[in-house]
């Protein structure tokens, strides 16, 4: 017998009761061959290539859903960082490039397109500067485009000029989109050690080292992992860890099947499988609730970082046993607004911004979807980012920041983003200034790699 009745029932429960799904299939498309000195020609080439490559993406995803009975929540596209493509043109603003991407997303029927991006970890080119300056207007005038900027890496250090600039850009973006249904900052991520094959938004872009087009998959199952944790209630932590690892293996095999099938039908390479546990605002689909099931009264209390470290490591160990194509971010997302349990933790006071920063030392991402008071100075935003990127740089891991200064809101107020982006209380930030530090600019040198104690 290929599958036992118990295994079949377990799989059915994963979908029906525990919210297991493939969170996204993301087609990465290289636009390097679309560059042209004439921005109109470049934009036409970009439109033509994206529509040609991804024209059947949504249909293929829907067909696989019906045939395999596997929910595929999001169909997305990521493209070459636009600063690398638009830099060949004589354009003084890249807003039109962003509008071209938005037009593609609307016509394809996808929910997001990522890649309005720049890589400035070691320096800022004129094209990078134009793109960054274009972000506030670009994100305020489009619906489906996501933007990201990589400002640091373990090999290059942290570009503090870029960190300062992005603090100012985040403020401008929030103000420019204050009238929009979705605040532009919810579609803007700043990175250290950004991966080139990340399928998750808002940080996805198609790295210059990637193939012409690929399919990357993000599979997520916080509800399934939560159910596994309940099965080991009261058991020693090592036994719980083993149970989580086994469940992560099963989840990953599902993603591998969907990704390989989608790539085959679309005639492109299968890129990577991202193992990240990605929560949603739905009850029962929360990373914070997993931590509480492990034995914490509230996410953020003493023991949270240790529990999250174990959870992330077991997800990775189970995943790499199930697939040879693991990549992207792969770990656990802890976005405040997109996690029902995390929202509750903020409301009850068990978690704060500083504890979230500590947790990012052991999870895969960073300070994600956090609303802060609208009057927070740009230098304070830059300081928060610098702290987070130092964690990524020193520990050779990806860290990211997606902060939303909420116009007119103060700590404790509620802000709603809608859909998968959810909503959350505005979190307080330190009132003490780091302006003199941020205004120094320059670069934090890369850490030493061989002299460890």
Protein backbone atom coordinates (compact mmCIF):
# COMPACT_ATOMS: atom_id res chain seq x y z
CA UNK A 1 0.00 0.00 0.00
CA UNK A 2 1.46 3.36 -1.07
CA UNK A 3 -0.33 5.40 1.62
CA UNK A 4 -1.99 4.20 4.82
CA UNK A 5 -5.48 5.40 5.79
CA UNK A 6 -3.89 7.33 8.68
CA UNK A 7 -1.54 9.19 6.33
CA UNK A 8 -4.40 10.03 3.95
CA UNK A 9 -6.53 11.36 6.79
CA UNK A 10 -3.56 13.35 8.09
CA UNK A 11 -3.14 15.02 4.69
CA UNK A 12 -6.86 15.82 4.46
CA UNK A 13 -6.70 17.41 7.92
CA UNK A 14 -3.72 19.53 6.88
CA UNK A 15 -5.80 21.21 4.18
CA UNK A 16 -9.25 21.30 5.76
CA UNK A 17 -8.48 21.93 9.43
CA UNK A 18 -4.96 23.32 9.66
CA UNK A 19 -4.84 25.79 6.73
CA UNK A 20 -1.97 24.15 4.85
CA UNK A 21 -1.38 25.78 1.50
CA UNK A 22 1.23 26.71 -1.03
CA UNK A 23 1.52 30.37 -0.15
CA UNK A 24 2.88 31.45 -3.52
CA UNK A 25 4.32 30.39 -6.84
CA UNK A 26 6.52 33.21 -8.10
CA UNK A 27 7.90 33.40 -11.62
CA UNK A 28 11.26 35.15 -11.71
CA UNK A 29 11.97 36.89 -15.03
CA UNK A 30 15.23 38.48 -16.17
CA UNK A 31 14.78 41.90 -17.78
CA UNK A 32 18.45 42.50 -18.53
CA UNK A 33 17.79 42.11 -22.25
CA UNK A 34 15.08 44.80 -22.09
CA UNK A 35 17.45 47.69 -21.35
CA UNK A 36 17.42 50.55 -23.84
CA UNK A 37 18.58 54.16 -23.90
CA UNK A 38 15.02 55.13 -24.84
CA UNK A 39 12.77 54.61 -21.77
CA UNK A 40 9.66 54.11 -23.94
CA UNK A 41 11.32 51.27 -25.86
CA UNK A 42 12.63 49.76 -22.62
CA UNK A 43 9.17 49.82 -21.03
CA UNK A 44 7.62 48.23 -24.10
CA UNK A 45 10.23 45.47 -24.05
CA UNK A 46 9.59 44.92 -20.33
CA UNK A 47 5.84 44.68 -20.89
CA UNK A 48 6.23 42.30 -23.84
CA UNK A 49 8.61 39.96 -22.06
CA UNK A 50 6.65 39.73 -18.81
CA UNK A 51 3.38 39.10 -20.65
CA UNK A 52 4.99 36.46 -22.84
CA UNK A 53 6.72 34.60 -20.01
CA UNK A 54 4.00 34.83 -17.36
CA UNK A 55 0.91 34.86 -19.57
CA UNK A 56 -0.19 31.40 -18.37
CA UNK A 57 1.04 31.65 -14.78
CA UNK A 58 -2.35 32.16 -13.16
CA UNK A 59 -4.07 29.51 -15.30
CA UNK A 60 -1.37 26.93 -14.59
CA UNK A 61 -1.64 27.65 -10.87
CA UNK A 62 -5.40 27.26 -10.96
CA UNK A 63 -5.17 24.03 -12.96
CA UNK A 64 -2.73 22.51 -10.46
CA UNK A 65 -5.01 23.56 -7.60
CA UNK A 66 -7.94 21.70 -9.16
CA UNK A 67 -6.01 18.60 -10.16
CA UNK A 68 -4.03 18.13 -6.94
CA UNK A 69 -6.48 19.68 -4.50
CA UNK A 70 -3.72 21.92 -3.16
CA UNK A 71 -4.60 25.57 -2.44
CA UNK A 72 -2.13 27.95 -4.13
CA UNK A 73 -2.94 31.28 -2.53
CA UNK A 74 -0.83 33.71 -4.56
CA UNK A 75 0.55 33.78 -8.09
CA UNK A 76 3.31 36.36 -8.41
CA UNK A 77 6.14 37.65 -10.59
CA UNK A 78 9.55 38.98 -9.64
CA UNK A 79 11.87 40.78 -12.05
CA UNK A 80 15.45 41.98 -12.33
CA UNK A 81 16.07 45.00 -10.06
CA UNK A 82 14.77 47.87 -12.17
CA UNK A 83 17.75 50.09 -11.33
CA UNK A 84 19.93 47.63 -13.30
CA UNK A 85 17.63 47.85 -16.33
CA UNK A 86 16.57 51.49 -16.29
CA UNK A 87 20.14 52.65 -15.72
CA UNK A 88 20.78 52.24 -19.44
CA UNK A 89 18.14 54.87 -20.24
CA UNK A 90 18.19 58.65 -20.04
CA UNK A 91 15.15 58.73 -17.75
CA UNK A 92 15.31 61.07 -14.74
CA UNK A 93 12.48 59.25 -12.94
CA UNK A 94 11.59 55.56 -12.93
CA UNK A 95 7.92 55.99 -12.02
CA UNK A 96 6.90 54.95 -15.55
CA UNK A 97 8.84 51.70 -15.17
CA UNK A 98 6.85 51.04 -12.00
CA UNK A 99 3.60 51.78 -13.83
CA UNK A 100 4.58 49.31 -16.56
CA UNK A 101 5.08 46.61 -13.94
CA UNK A 102 1.73 47.49 -12.40
CA UNK A 103 0.02 47.24 -15.78
CA UNK A 104 1.50 43.76 -16.27
CA UNK A 105 0.29 42.65 -12.84
CA UNK A 106 -3.26 43.84 -13.54
CA UNK A 107 -3.46 42.15 -16.93
CA UNK A 108 -1.92 38.91 -15.69
CA UNK A 109 -4.26 38.73 -12.70
CA UNK A 110 -1.43 38.25 -10.19
CA UNK A 111 -1.55 39.81 -6.75
CA UNK A 112 1.96 41.33 -6.60
CA UNK A 113 5.01 41.94 -8.80
CA UNK A 114 8.36 42.54 -7.14
CA UNK A 115 11.57 44.07 -8.41
CA UNK A 116 11.29 47.85 -8.26
CA UNK A 117 14.60 47.44 -6.53
CA UNK A 118 18.19 48.56 -6.15
CA UNK A 119 21.32 46.87 -4.77
CA UNK A 120 23.37 49.50 -2.93
CA UNK A 121 25.25 47.55 -0.26
CA UNK A 122 28.60 49.02 -1.33
CA UNK A 123 27.68 52.21 -3.15
CA UNK A 124 24.92 54.14 -4.89
CA UNK A 125 25.00 54.62 -8.66
CA UNK A 126 23.07 57.41 -10.38
CA UNK A 127 20.47 54.83 -11.46
CA UNK A 128 20.12 53.56 -7.89
CA UNK A 129 19.59 57.11 -6.68
CA UNK A 130 16.92 57.78 -9.29
CA UNK A 131 15.07 54.59 -8.35
CA UNK A 132 15.17 55.35 -4.63
CA UNK A 133 14.01 58.92 -5.25
CA UNK A 134 11.16 57.50 -7.36
CA UNK A 135 9.87 55.10 -4.69
CA UNK A 136 7.40 57.40 -2.87
CA UNK A 137 5.55 58.48 -6.02
CA UNK A 138 5.88 55.06 -7.65
CA UNK A 139 4.30 53.14 -4.77
CA UNK A 140 1.62 55.78 -4.24
CA UNK A 141 0.56 55.65 -7.89
CA UNK A 142 0.52 51.85 -8.32
CA UNK A 143 -1.35 48.98 -6.66
CA UNK A 144 0.57 45.77 -7.19
CA UNK A 145 4.26 46.70 -7.36
CA UNK A 146 6.62 45.91 -4.49
CA UNK A 147 9.95 47.63 -3.92
CA UNK A 148 13.12 46.58 -2.13
CA UNK A 149 16.58 48.01 -1.53
CA UNK A 150 19.58 46.00 -0.28
CA UNK A 151 21.82 48.28 1.81
CA UNK A 152 24.25 45.82 3.40
CA UNK A 153 25.89 42.42 3.29
CA UNK A 154 28.29 40.33 5.31
CA UNK A 155 30.99 40.78 2.66
CA UNK A 156 30.45 44.50 2.03
CA UNK A 157 29.38 45.88 5.40
CA UNK A 158 26.52 48.35 5.76
CA UNK A 159 26.18 51.38 3.49
CA UNK A 160 25.12 53.95 6.09
CA UNK A 161 24.57 56.62 3.42
CA UNK A 162 21.93 54.28 1.96
CA UNK A 163 20.48 53.54 5.41
CA UNK A 164 20.07 57.27 6.05
CA UNK A 165 18.52 57.75 2.60
CA UNK A 166 16.07 54.88 3.11
CA UNK A 167 14.93 56.27 6.47
CA UNK A 168 14.01 59.47 4.65
CA UNK A 169 12.43 57.52 1.78
CA UNK A 170 10.23 55.50 4.13
CA UNK A 171 8.91 58.73 5.67
CA UNK A 172 8.25 60.24 2.23
CA UNK A 173 6.58 57.05 1.00
CA UNK A 174 4.23 56.92 3.97
CA UNK A 175 3.25 60.56 3.48
CA UNK A 176 2.85 60.22 -0.30
CA UNK A 177 0.49 57.26 0.07
CA UNK A 178 -1.45 58.46 3.10
CA UNK A 179 -4.53 58.78 0.88
CA UNK A 180 -4.11 55.31 -0.65
CA UNK A 181 -6.01 52.19 0.36
CA UNK A 182 -2.69 50.47 1.09
CA UNK A 183 0.18 52.48 2.55
CA UNK A 184 3.16 52.31 0.18
CA UNK A 185 5.49 51.36 3.04
CA UNK A 186 3.72 48.01 3.31
CA UNK A 187 5.13 47.28 -0.16
CA UNK A 188 8.69 48.46 0.64
CA UNK A 189 11.40 46.31 2.22
CA UNK A 190 14.97 47.26 3.09
CA UNK A 191 17.45 44.37 3.29
CA UNK A 192 20.83 43.20 4.45
CA UNK A 193 22.01 40.06 2.61
CA UNK A 194 18.97 40.00 0.32
CA UNK A 195 18.58 36.61 -1.43
CA UNK A 196 18.25 36.63 -5.21
CA UNK A 197 15.60 33.87 -5.26
CA UNK A 198 13.07 34.92 -2.62
CA UNK A 199 9.46 34.15 -3.72
CA UNK A 200 7.82 36.14 -0.91
CA UNK A 201 6.67 39.73 -1.19
CA UNK A 202 7.40 42.47 -0.67
CA UNK A 203 11.09 41.62 -0.95
CA UNK A 204 11.12 39.40 -4.03
CA UNK A 205 13.33 40.30 -6.98
CA UNK A 206 14.98 38.21 -9.70
CA UNK A 207 18.69 38.37 -9.01
CA UNK A 208 21.24 38.98 -11.79
CA UNK A 209 22.76 35.57 -11.08
CA UNK A 210 19.52 33.74 -11.86
CA UNK A 211 18.39 32.00 -15.08
CA UNK A 212 16.28 33.84 -17.66
CA UNK A 213 13.07 32.65 -16.01
CA UNK A 214 12.34 30.30 -13.11
CA UNK A 215 9.56 29.23 -10.77
CA UNK A 216 10.19 29.71 -7.06
CA UNK A 217 7.73 28.38 -4.50
CA UNK A 218 6.86 29.47 -0.98
CA UNK A 219 5.12 26.79 1.03
CA UNK A 220 3.68 27.65 4.41
CA UNK A 221 2.01 25.74 7.20
CA UNK A 222 1.92 27.45 10.61
CA UNK A 223 -1.39 25.73 11.34
CA UNK A 224 0.05 22.31 10.58
CA UNK A 225 3.09 22.94 12.78
CA UNK A 226 0.77 24.19 15.53
CA UNK A 227 -1.21 20.94 15.32
CA UNK A 228 2.03 18.95 15.51
CA UNK A 229 3.06 20.91 18.61
CA UNK A 230 -0.25 20.07 20.26
CA UNK A 231 0.40 16.37 19.69
CA UNK A 232 3.55 16.69 21.81
CA UNK A 233 2.03 18.68 24.67
CA UNK A 234 3.98 18.09 27.90
CA UNK A 235 6.69 16.07 26.12
CA UNK A 236 10.42 16.94 26.35
CA UNK A 237 11.57 19.63 23.93
CA UNK A 238 13.74 17.25 21.92
CA UNK A 239 10.70 15.06 21.20
CA UNK A 240 8.68 18.13 20.20
CA UNK A 241 11.53 19.21 17.92
CA UNK A 242 11.53 15.83 16.22
CA UNK A 243 7.78 16.07 15.61
CA UNK A 244 8.12 19.54 14.06
CA UNK A 245 10.95 18.31 11.84
CA UNK A 246 8.87 15.40 10.54
CA UNK A 247 5.93 17.67 9.77
CA UNK A 248 8.19 20.17 7.98
CA UNK A 249 9.41 17.30 5.80
CA UNK A 250 5.85 16.50 4.71
CA UNK A 251 5.01 20.15 4.01
CA UNK A 252 8.14 20.55 1.91
CA UNK A 253 7.41 17.49 -0.24
CA UNK A 254 4.08 19.09 -1.12
CA UNK A 255 5.81 22.29 -2.23
CA UNK A 256 8.37 20.37 -4.23
CA UNK A 257 5.59 18.58 -6.13
CA UNK A 258 3.71 21.80 -6.92
CA UNK A 259 6.84 23.72 -7.90
CA UNK A 260 8.17 21.04 -10.22
CA UNK A 261 4.76 20.64 -11.87
CA UNK A 262 4.30 24.38 -12.37
CA UNK A 263 7.78 24.79 -13.84
CA UNK A 264 7.24 21.89 -16.22
CA UNK A 265 3.91 23.24 -17.50
CA UNK A 266 5.28 26.74 -17.94
CA UNK A 267 8.43 25.53 -19.69
CA UNK A 268 10.86 27.20 -17.27
CA UNK A 269 13.38 26.00 -14.72
CA UNK A 270 12.33 25.06 -11.18
CA UNK A 271 14.28 27.42 -8.97
CA UNK A 272 13.91 27.02 -5.22
CA UNK A 273 11.51 26.07 -2.48
CA UNK A 274 11.28 28.58 0.38
CA UNK A 275 10.44 26.87 3.67
CA UNK A 276 9.39 29.99 5.56
CA UNK A 277 6.46 29.69 7.94
CA UNK A 278 4.36 32.61 6.69
CA UNK A 279 1.39 33.49 8.90
CA UNK A 280 -1.83 35.26 7.95
CA UNK A 281 -4.33 37.27 10.04
CA UNK A 282 -6.59 34.19 10.13
CA UNK A 283 -7.01 32.47 13.50
CA UNK A 284 -4.99 29.24 13.61
CA UNK A 285 -2.43 30.40 11.02
CA UNK A 286 -0.01 32.05 13.43
CA UNK A 287 3.68 31.61 14.32
CA UNK A 288 3.05 33.35 17.65
CA UNK A 289 0.46 30.72 18.57
CA UNK A 290 3.02 27.98 17.88
CA UNK A 291 5.38 29.63 20.36
CA UNK A 292 2.58 29.78 22.92
CA UNK A 293 1.75 26.10 22.35
CA UNK A 294 5.40 25.28 23.03
CA UNK A 295 4.89 26.71 26.53
CA UNK A 296 4.97 30.51 26.52
CA UNK A 297 2.22 32.54 28.13
CA UNK A 298 2.60 35.16 25.42
CA UNK A 299 4.93 35.62 22.47
CA UNK A 300 7.74 37.87 23.66
CA UNK A 301 7.99 36.60 27.21
CA UNK A 302 11.27 35.05 28.51
CA UNK A 303 12.05 31.92 26.50
CA UNK A 304 10.62 33.26 23.23
CA UNK A 305 13.94 33.56 21.41
CA UNK A 306 14.96 30.04 22.46
CA UNK A 307 11.63 28.57 21.34
CA UNK A 308 11.80 30.42 18.01
CA UNK A 309 15.38 29.22 17.44
CA UNK A 310 14.30 25.62 17.90
CA UNK A 311 11.24 26.06 15.69
CA UNK A 312 13.19 27.67 12.84
CA UNK A 313 15.97 25.09 12.97
CA UNK A 314 13.59 22.15 12.90
CA UNK A 315 11.67 23.59 9.94
CA UNK A 316 14.95 23.92 8.05
CA UNK A 317 16.17 20.43 9.01
CA UNK A 318 12.93 18.81 7.92
CA UNK A 319 12.87 20.83 4.73
CA UNK A 320 16.38 20.11 3.52
CA UNK A 321 15.71 16.40 3.92
CA UNK A 322 12.71 16.74 1.61
CA UNK A 323 14.18 18.87 -1.16
CA UNK A 324 17.55 19.58 -2.73
CA UNK A 325 16.30 22.97 -3.95
CA UNK A 326 15.78 24.82 -0.67
CA UNK A 327 16.52 28.55 -0.89
CA UNK A 328 15.02 31.99 -0.50
CA UNK A 329 14.59 32.95 3.15
CA UNK A 330 13.50 29.64 4.72
CA UNK A 331 12.68 29.97 8.38
CA UNK A 332 9.88 31.76 10.23
CA UNK A 333 8.25 35.10 9.46
CA UNK A 334 7.18 37.18 12.44
CA UNK A 335 5.21 40.04 10.82
CA UNK A 336 3.16 41.89 13.39
CA UNK A 337 0.16 42.85 11.25
CA UNK A 338 -0.03 39.52 9.37
CA UNK A 339 -0.05 37.25 12.44
CA UNK A 340 -3.17 37.09 14.62
CA UNK A 341 -1.18 35.81 17.60
CA UNK A 342 1.47 38.51 17.23
CA UNK A 343 -1.22 41.20 17.11
CA UNK A 344 -2.61 39.84 20.37
CA UNK A 345 0.88 39.81 21.91
CA UNK A 346 1.28 43.51 21.11
CA UNK A 347 -2.16 44.28 22.55
CA UNK A 348 -1.48 42.45 25.82
CA UNK A 349 2.00 43.95 26.15
CA UNK A 350 4.03 40.75 26.06
CA UNK A 351 6.13 41.87 23.09
CA UNK A 352 7.87 45.09 22.12
CA UNK A 353 10.02 46.35 19.26
CA UNK A 354 13.25 45.50 21.07
CA UNK A 355 12.14 41.92 21.74
CA UNK A 356 11.16 41.51 18.10
CA UNK A 357 14.66 42.63 17.16
CA UNK A 358 16.15 40.00 19.49
CA UNK A 359 13.95 37.31 17.92
CA UNK A 360 15.26 38.16 14.47
CA UNK A 361 18.70 36.86 15.46
CA UNK A 362 17.35 33.32 15.14
CA UNK A 363 14.49 33.54 12.61
CA UNK A 364 14.78 34.11 8.90
CA UNK A 365 13.62 37.62 8.23
CA UNK A 366 13.46 40.73 10.40
CA UNK A 367 11.23 43.54 11.63
CA UNK A 368 8.27 42.97 9.37
CA UNK A 369 5.00 44.89 8.94
CA UNK A 370 5.40 46.99 12.05
CA UNK A 371 3.43 50.23 12.37
CA UNK A 372 5.18 53.04 14.24
CA UNK A 373 4.02 56.57 15.15
CA UNK A 374 3.71 58.86 12.15
CA UNK A 375 5.91 61.52 13.76
CA UNK A 376 8.88 59.15 14.17
CA UNK A 377 11.99 60.98 12.86
CA UNK A 378 13.63 59.60 9.71
CA UNK A 379 16.91 59.22 11.62
CA UNK A 380 15.19 57.01 14.21
CA UNK A 381 13.84 54.81 11.42
CA UNK A 382 17.37 54.61 10.00
CA UNK A 383 18.72 53.70 13.45
CA UNK A 384 16.21 50.86 13.81
CA UNK A 385 17.24 49.59 10.37
CA UNK A 386 20.96 49.88 11.18
CA UNK A 387 20.50 47.74 14.30
CA UNK A 388 18.65 45.08 12.34
CA UNK A 389 21.17 45.05 9.51
CA UNK A 390 24.05 44.71 11.97
CA UNK A 391 22.44 41.45 13.12
CA UNK A 392 22.31 40.23 9.54
CA UNK A 393 25.81 41.37 8.65
CA UNK A 394 27.55 39.87 11.68
CA UNK A 395 25.60 36.60 11.63
CA UNK A 396 25.75 36.12 7.85
CA UNK A 397 21.97 35.91 7.52
CA UNK A 398 19.22 37.78 5.76
CA UNK A 399 17.56 40.50 7.81
CA UNK A 400 14.98 42.98 6.58
CA UNK A 401 12.88 45.87 7.79
CA UNK A 402 9.35 46.78 6.70
CA UNK A 403 8.26 49.68 8.91
CA UNK A 404 5.12 51.75 8.35
CA UNK A 405 5.11 55.22 9.91
CA UNK A 406 1.37 55.67 10.33
CA UNK A 407 0.36 59.25 9.39
CA UNK A 408 -1.48 60.96 12.23
CA UNK A 409 -1.27 57.90 14.48
CA UNK A 410 0.39 57.54 17.87
CA UNK A 411 1.48 54.50 19.90
CA UNK A 412 -1.51 52.32 20.78
CA UNK A 413 -3.69 53.45 17.86
CA UNK A 414 -4.92 50.86 15.36
CA UNK A 415 -4.04 50.90 11.65
CA UNK A 416 -5.66 48.65 9.05
CA UNK A 417 -3.89 47.49 5.86
CA UNK A 418 -6.47 45.03 4.52
CA UNK A 419 -6.31 41.55 3.03
CA UNK A 420 -3.25 39.42 3.76
CA UNK A 421 -1.51 42.54 5.11
CA UNK A 422 -3.92 42.64 8.06
CA UNK A 423 -3.81 45.40 10.65
CA UNK A 424 -2.05 46.07 13.95
CA UNK A 425 -1.58 48.45 16.86
CA UNK A 426 1.00 51.20 16.38
CA UNK A 427 4.07 50.24 18.42
CA UNK A 428 6.08 52.76 20.47
CA UNK A 429 9.68 53.55 19.55
CA UNK A 430 12.48 55.02 21.66
CA UNK A 431 12.28 58.78 22.14
CA UNK A 432 16.07 59.05 22.39
CA UNK A 433 17.80 60.33 19.27
CA UNK A 434 20.44 58.63 17.13
CA UNK A 435 20.58 61.52 14.64
CA UNK A 436 24.27 62.33 15.19
CA UNK A 437 25.19 58.68 14.51
CA UNK A 438 23.05 58.38 11.37
CA UNK A 439 24.13 61.74 9.97
CA UNK A 440 27.78 60.63 9.99
CA UNK A 441 27.07 58.55 6.86
CA UNK A 442 29.89 56.45 5.43
CA UNK A 443 30.02 52.70 5.77
CA UNK A 444 30.18 50.21 8.61
CA UNK A 445 33.05 47.91 7.56
CA UNK A 446 32.40 44.24 6.94
CA UNK A 447 33.01 42.02 9.98
CA UNK A 448 36.09 39.85 10.29
CA UNK A 449 35.39 36.27 9.22
CA UNK A 450 38.31 34.13 10.43
CA UNK A 451 39.07 35.36 13.97
CA UNK A 452 36.29 33.83 16.10
CA UNK A 453 36.17 33.16 19.82
